[in-house]
N, C-alpha and C. Protein backbone atom coordinates (compact mmCIF):
# COMPACT_ATOMS: atom_id res chain seq x y z
N MET A 1 -153.01 -30.20 45.12
CA MET A 1 -152.46 -30.42 43.79
C MET A 1 -150.95 -30.66 43.94
N SER A 2 -150.44 -31.66 43.26
CA SER A 2 -149.03 -32.00 43.38
C SER A 2 -148.17 -30.97 42.66
N ASP A 3 -146.91 -30.91 43.08
CA ASP A 3 -145.97 -29.98 42.45
C ASP A 3 -145.77 -30.32 40.98
N ARG A 4 -145.74 -31.60 40.67
CA ARG A 4 -145.52 -32.03 39.28
C ARG A 4 -146.69 -31.58 38.40
N LEU A 5 -147.92 -31.78 38.88
CA LEU A 5 -149.10 -31.37 38.11
C LEU A 5 -149.12 -29.86 37.92
N GLU A 6 -148.76 -29.15 38.97
CA GLU A 6 -148.71 -27.68 38.89
C GLU A 6 -147.67 -27.23 37.86
N GLU A 7 -146.53 -27.91 37.86
CA GLU A 7 -145.47 -27.56 36.90
C GLU A 7 -145.91 -27.85 35.46
N PHE A 8 -146.59 -28.99 35.25
CA PHE A 8 -147.09 -29.30 33.91
C PHE A 8 -148.09 -28.26 33.44
N ARG A 9 -148.97 -27.85 34.31
CA ARG A 9 -149.97 -26.82 33.94
C ARG A 9 -149.28 -25.50 33.63
N ARG A 10 -148.26 -25.16 34.40
CA ARG A 10 -147.53 -23.91 34.14
C ARG A 10 -146.84 -23.99 32.79
N GLN A 11 -146.21 -25.14 32.51
CA GLN A 11 -145.54 -25.31 31.22
C GLN A 11 -146.53 -25.24 30.07
N ARG A 12 -147.71 -25.83 30.23
CA ARG A 12 -148.73 -25.76 29.18
C ARG A 12 -149.14 -24.31 28.93
N GLY A 13 -149.28 -23.53 30.00
CA GLY A 13 -149.61 -22.11 29.85
C GLY A 13 -148.51 -21.35 29.13
N VAL A 14 -147.27 -21.67 29.46
CA VAL A 14 -146.13 -21.02 28.79
C VAL A 14 -146.14 -21.34 27.30
N LEU A 15 -146.39 -22.61 26.97
CA LEU A 15 -146.41 -23.02 25.56
C LEU A 15 -147.57 -22.36 24.82
N ARG A 16 -148.73 -22.28 25.45
CA ARG A 16 -149.87 -21.61 24.80
C ARG A 16 -149.56 -20.14 24.54
N ALA A 17 -148.97 -19.47 25.54
CA ALA A 17 -148.62 -18.06 25.36
C ALA A 17 -147.61 -17.90 24.23
N HIS A 18 -146.66 -18.82 24.15
CA HIS A 18 -145.65 -18.73 23.09
C HIS A 18 -146.30 -18.97 21.71
N LEU A 19 -147.19 -19.95 21.63
CA LEU A 19 -147.87 -20.20 20.35
C LEU A 19 -148.72 -19.01 19.93
N GLU A 20 -149.39 -18.38 20.89
CA GLU A 20 -150.18 -17.18 20.56
C GLU A 20 -149.27 -16.07 20.05
N TRP A 21 -148.13 -15.91 20.67
CA TRP A 21 -147.19 -14.89 20.23
C TRP A 21 -146.69 -15.21 18.82
N LEU A 22 -146.36 -16.50 18.56
CA LEU A 22 -145.93 -16.88 17.22
C LEU A 22 -147.01 -16.60 16.18
N ASP A 23 -148.27 -16.89 16.52
CA ASP A 23 -149.37 -16.60 15.59
C ASP A 23 -149.45 -15.11 15.29
N ARG A 24 -149.28 -14.28 16.31
CA ARG A 24 -149.32 -12.82 16.09
C ARG A 24 -148.15 -12.37 15.22
N GLU A 25 -146.96 -12.93 15.46
CA GLU A 25 -145.79 -12.56 14.65
C GLU A 25 -145.98 -12.97 13.19
N ILE A 26 -146.49 -14.16 12.97
CA ILE A 26 -146.73 -14.63 11.60
C ILE A 26 -147.77 -13.75 10.92
N ALA A 27 -148.83 -13.43 11.65
CA ALA A 27 -149.87 -12.57 11.08
C ALA A 27 -149.31 -11.18 10.77
N ALA A 28 -148.46 -10.67 11.64
CA ALA A 28 -147.87 -9.34 11.41
C ALA A 28 -146.98 -9.35 10.17
N LEU A 29 -146.22 -10.43 9.98
CA LEU A 29 -145.36 -10.51 8.80
C LEU A 29 -146.17 -10.72 7.52
N ASP A 30 -147.33 -11.37 7.65
CA ASP A 30 -148.21 -11.53 6.49
C ASP A 30 -149.00 -10.26 6.20
N GLY A 31 -148.98 -9.32 7.12
CA GLY A 31 -149.71 -8.07 6.93
C GLY A 31 -151.15 -8.14 7.40
N ALA A 32 -151.51 -9.17 8.14
CA ALA A 32 -152.90 -9.33 8.57
C ALA A 32 -153.21 -8.59 9.85
N ALA A 33 -152.24 -8.39 10.71
CA ALA A 33 -152.50 -7.73 12.00
C ALA A 33 -151.24 -6.99 12.43
N PRO A 34 -151.42 -5.93 13.24
CA PRO A 34 -150.25 -5.21 13.74
C PRO A 34 -149.47 -6.07 14.74
N GLU A 35 -148.17 -5.80 14.82
CA GLU A 35 -147.30 -6.56 15.71
C GLU A 35 -147.58 -6.16 17.16
N GLN A 36 -147.65 -7.16 18.06
CA GLN A 36 -147.88 -6.90 19.47
C GLN A 36 -146.74 -7.49 20.28
N ALA A 37 -146.57 -7.00 21.49
CA ALA A 37 -145.52 -7.51 22.37
C ALA A 37 -145.92 -8.89 22.88
N PRO A 38 -144.95 -9.74 23.13
CA PRO A 38 -145.27 -11.07 23.66
C PRO A 38 -145.87 -10.96 25.06
N PRO A 39 -146.76 -11.87 25.41
CA PRO A 39 -147.39 -11.80 26.72
C PRO A 39 -146.39 -12.15 27.82
N GLU A 40 -146.69 -11.67 29.01
CA GLU A 40 -145.85 -11.99 30.16
C GLU A 40 -146.04 -13.45 30.55
N VAL A 41 -144.95 -14.11 30.83
CA VAL A 41 -145.00 -15.51 31.25
C VAL A 41 -144.86 -15.53 32.76
N PRO A 42 -145.75 -16.26 33.44
CA PRO A 42 -145.65 -16.29 34.90
C PRO A 42 -144.35 -16.96 35.33
N PRO A 43 -143.73 -16.46 36.39
CA PRO A 43 -142.47 -17.05 36.83
C PRO A 43 -142.69 -18.46 37.36
N ALA A 44 -141.65 -19.25 37.26
CA ALA A 44 -141.72 -20.63 37.73
C ALA A 44 -141.78 -20.64 39.24
N PRO A 45 -142.59 -21.51 39.80
CA PRO A 45 -142.62 -21.60 41.26
C PRO A 45 -141.31 -22.18 41.78
N ALA A 46 -140.90 -21.69 42.93
CA ALA A 46 -139.66 -22.19 43.52
C ALA A 46 -139.96 -23.53 44.17
N GLY A 47 -139.74 -24.57 43.42
CA GLY A 47 -140.03 -25.91 43.91
C GLY A 47 -138.80 -26.77 43.82
N PRO A 48 -138.97 -28.07 44.01
CA PRO A 48 -137.82 -28.97 43.99
C PRO A 48 -137.14 -29.03 42.62
N ALA A 49 -137.93 -28.92 41.54
CA ALA A 49 -137.33 -28.98 40.21
C ALA A 49 -136.39 -27.81 39.99
N LEU A 50 -136.82 -26.63 40.41
CA LEU A 50 -135.99 -25.43 40.25
C LEU A 50 -134.73 -25.54 41.09
N ALA A 51 -134.86 -26.05 42.30
CA ALA A 51 -133.69 -26.20 43.17
C ALA A 51 -132.72 -27.21 42.57
N ASP A 52 -133.24 -28.29 41.99
CA ASP A 52 -132.37 -29.28 41.35
C ASP A 52 -131.64 -28.67 40.17
N ALA A 53 -132.36 -27.90 39.37
CA ALA A 53 -131.74 -27.26 38.20
C ALA A 53 -130.66 -26.29 38.63
N GLU A 54 -130.92 -25.51 39.66
CA GLU A 54 -129.92 -24.56 40.14
C GLU A 54 -128.69 -25.28 40.67
N ALA A 55 -128.90 -26.41 41.35
CA ALA A 55 -127.77 -27.18 41.88
C ALA A 55 -126.91 -27.71 40.74
N ILE A 56 -127.55 -28.18 39.67
CA ILE A 56 -126.80 -28.69 38.52
C ILE A 56 -126.03 -27.57 37.83
N LEU A 57 -126.68 -26.42 37.64
CA LEU A 57 -126.00 -25.29 37.02
C LEU A 57 -124.84 -24.79 37.87
N ALA A 58 -125.04 -24.75 39.17
CA ALA A 58 -123.97 -24.28 40.06
C ALA A 58 -122.76 -25.18 40.00
N GLU A 59 -122.99 -26.45 39.75
CA GLU A 59 -121.88 -27.41 39.67
C GLU A 59 -120.97 -27.11 38.48
N TYR A 60 -121.53 -26.60 37.40
CA TYR A 60 -120.75 -26.37 36.17
C TYR A 60 -120.33 -24.92 35.98
N ARG A 61 -120.78 -24.03 36.83
CA ARG A 61 -120.40 -22.63 36.69
C ARG A 61 -118.95 -22.45 37.09
N ARG A 62 -118.25 -21.63 36.33
CA ARG A 62 -116.86 -21.29 36.64
C ARG A 62 -116.72 -19.78 36.58
N PRO A 63 -115.95 -19.23 37.49
CA PRO A 63 -115.73 -17.79 37.40
C PRO A 63 -114.86 -17.47 36.19
N PRO A 64 -115.04 -16.30 35.57
CA PRO A 64 -114.29 -15.94 34.38
C PRO A 64 -112.78 -15.96 34.59
N VAL A 65 -112.32 -15.65 35.78
CA VAL A 65 -110.88 -15.62 36.05
C VAL A 65 -110.30 -17.02 35.86
N SER A 66 -111.03 -18.03 36.29
CA SER A 66 -110.56 -19.40 36.15
C SER A 66 -110.39 -19.77 34.68
N ILE A 67 -111.33 -19.37 33.85
CA ILE A 67 -111.26 -19.67 32.43
C ILE A 67 -110.09 -18.93 31.79
N GLN A 68 -109.88 -17.68 32.18
CA GLN A 68 -108.76 -16.91 31.64
C GLN A 68 -107.43 -17.54 32.06
N LYS A 69 -107.35 -17.99 33.29
CA LYS A 69 -106.12 -18.62 33.77
C LYS A 69 -105.87 -19.91 33.00
N GLN A 70 -106.92 -20.69 32.76
CA GLN A 70 -106.76 -21.92 32.00
C GLN A 70 -106.28 -21.63 30.59
N ALA A 71 -106.79 -20.58 29.98
CA ALA A 71 -106.37 -20.22 28.62
C ALA A 71 -104.89 -19.84 28.59
N LYS A 72 -104.46 -19.09 29.59
CA LYS A 72 -103.04 -18.70 29.65
C LYS A 72 -102.14 -19.92 29.82
N VAL A 73 -102.54 -20.81 30.72
CA VAL A 73 -101.74 -22.02 30.95
C VAL A 73 -101.71 -22.87 29.68
N GLY A 74 -102.85 -22.98 28.99
CA GLY A 74 -102.90 -23.75 27.75
C GLY A 74 -101.99 -23.17 26.69
N CYS A 75 -102.01 -21.86 26.53
CA CYS A 75 -101.14 -21.21 25.55
C CYS A 75 -99.67 -21.42 25.90
N LEU A 76 -99.34 -21.32 27.17
CA LEU A 76 -97.97 -21.54 27.61
C LEU A 76 -97.53 -22.98 27.32
N LEU A 77 -98.40 -23.94 27.58
CA LEU A 77 -98.07 -25.33 27.28
C LEU A 77 -97.86 -25.56 25.79
N TYR A 78 -98.70 -24.97 24.95
CA TYR A 78 -98.51 -25.09 23.50
C TYR A 78 -97.18 -24.48 23.08
N PHE A 79 -96.82 -23.35 23.67
CA PHE A 79 -95.55 -22.69 23.34
C PHE A 79 -94.36 -23.57 23.72
N VAL A 80 -94.41 -24.14 24.92
CA VAL A 80 -93.32 -25.01 25.38
C VAL A 80 -93.24 -26.26 24.49
N ALA A 81 -94.39 -26.83 24.13
CA ALA A 81 -94.39 -28.01 23.25
C ALA A 81 -93.81 -27.66 21.89
N LEU A 82 -94.13 -26.49 21.36
CA LEU A 82 -93.57 -26.06 20.08
C LEU A 82 -92.06 -25.89 20.16
N LEU A 83 -91.58 -25.29 21.26
CA LEU A 83 -90.13 -25.14 21.43
C LEU A 83 -89.44 -26.50 21.52
N ALA A 84 -90.06 -27.45 22.21
CA ALA A 84 -89.49 -28.79 22.33
C ALA A 84 -89.44 -29.47 20.97
N LEU A 85 -90.49 -29.33 20.17
CA LEU A 85 -90.49 -29.92 18.83
C LEU A 85 -89.44 -29.28 17.94
N MET A 86 -89.27 -27.98 18.06
CA MET A 86 -88.25 -27.30 17.26
C MET A 86 -86.85 -27.77 17.67
N ALA A 87 -86.62 -27.90 18.99
CA ALA A 87 -85.32 -28.37 19.46
C ALA A 87 -85.07 -29.80 18.98
N LEU A 88 -86.09 -30.64 19.02
CA LEU A 88 -85.96 -32.00 18.53
C LEU A 88 -85.64 -32.02 17.03
N ALA A 89 -86.31 -31.18 16.26
CA ALA A 89 -86.06 -31.11 14.82
C ALA A 89 -84.63 -30.65 14.54
N VAL A 90 -84.16 -29.66 15.27
CA VAL A 90 -82.79 -29.18 15.09
C VAL A 90 -81.79 -30.27 15.46
N GLY A 91 -82.07 -30.99 16.55
CA GLY A 91 -81.18 -32.08 16.95
C GLY A 91 -81.13 -33.19 15.91
N VAL A 92 -82.28 -33.58 15.37
CA VAL A 92 -82.31 -34.62 14.33
C VAL A 92 -81.58 -34.13 13.09
N LEU A 93 -81.81 -32.90 12.70
CA LEU A 93 -81.13 -32.34 11.53
C LEU A 93 -79.61 -32.31 11.76
N TYR A 94 -79.18 -31.95 12.95
CA TYR A 94 -77.75 -31.92 13.28
C TYR A 94 -77.14 -33.32 13.16
N VAL A 95 -77.83 -34.33 13.68
CA VAL A 95 -77.32 -35.70 13.61
C VAL A 95 -77.20 -36.15 12.16
N PHE A 96 -78.21 -35.88 11.34
CA PHE A 96 -78.16 -36.29 9.94
C PHE A 96 -77.04 -35.57 9.18
N VAL A 97 -76.87 -34.29 9.43
CA VAL A 97 -75.81 -33.55 8.75
C VAL A 97 -74.43 -34.05 9.21
N LYS A 98 -74.29 -34.30 10.47
CA LYS A 98 -73.00 -34.78 11.02
C LYS A 98 -72.66 -36.15 10.43
N ARG A 99 -73.65 -37.04 10.30
CA ARG A 99 -73.41 -38.36 9.71
C ARG A 99 -73.09 -38.25 8.21
N ALA A 100 -73.78 -37.34 7.53
CA ALA A 100 -73.55 -37.20 6.10
C ALA A 100 -72.14 -36.69 5.83
N HIS A 101 -71.62 -35.80 6.62
CA HIS A 101 -70.27 -35.28 6.41
C HIS A 101 -69.21 -36.18 7.04
N GLY A 102 -69.60 -37.02 7.98
CA GLY A 102 -68.64 -37.89 8.64
C GLY A 102 -68.20 -39.06 7.79
N HIS A 103 -69.02 -39.53 6.89
CA HIS A 103 -68.68 -40.69 6.07
C HIS A 103 -68.06 -40.26 4.81
């Protein structure tokens, strides 16, 4: 049996188990049957699809320290940009006031 066929069959089983669980939850909320725990889902076989997925996820994972450092650098850049804009505004205001009193 091919890996792809095996994966499709596993996915079909997972979906059936989920639908059965949804039916039980709906019935429990309607008052028709007591609530039951969801069935155990068999783990995915370690095949090429799983390895590909892990490789893709690993490519985008970042350690939390990196994200915190980026946030600090971003905040610092915004602060410096704000100071530059304020200095520019003060300079423009100074030029306008100087011209207004000079004439």
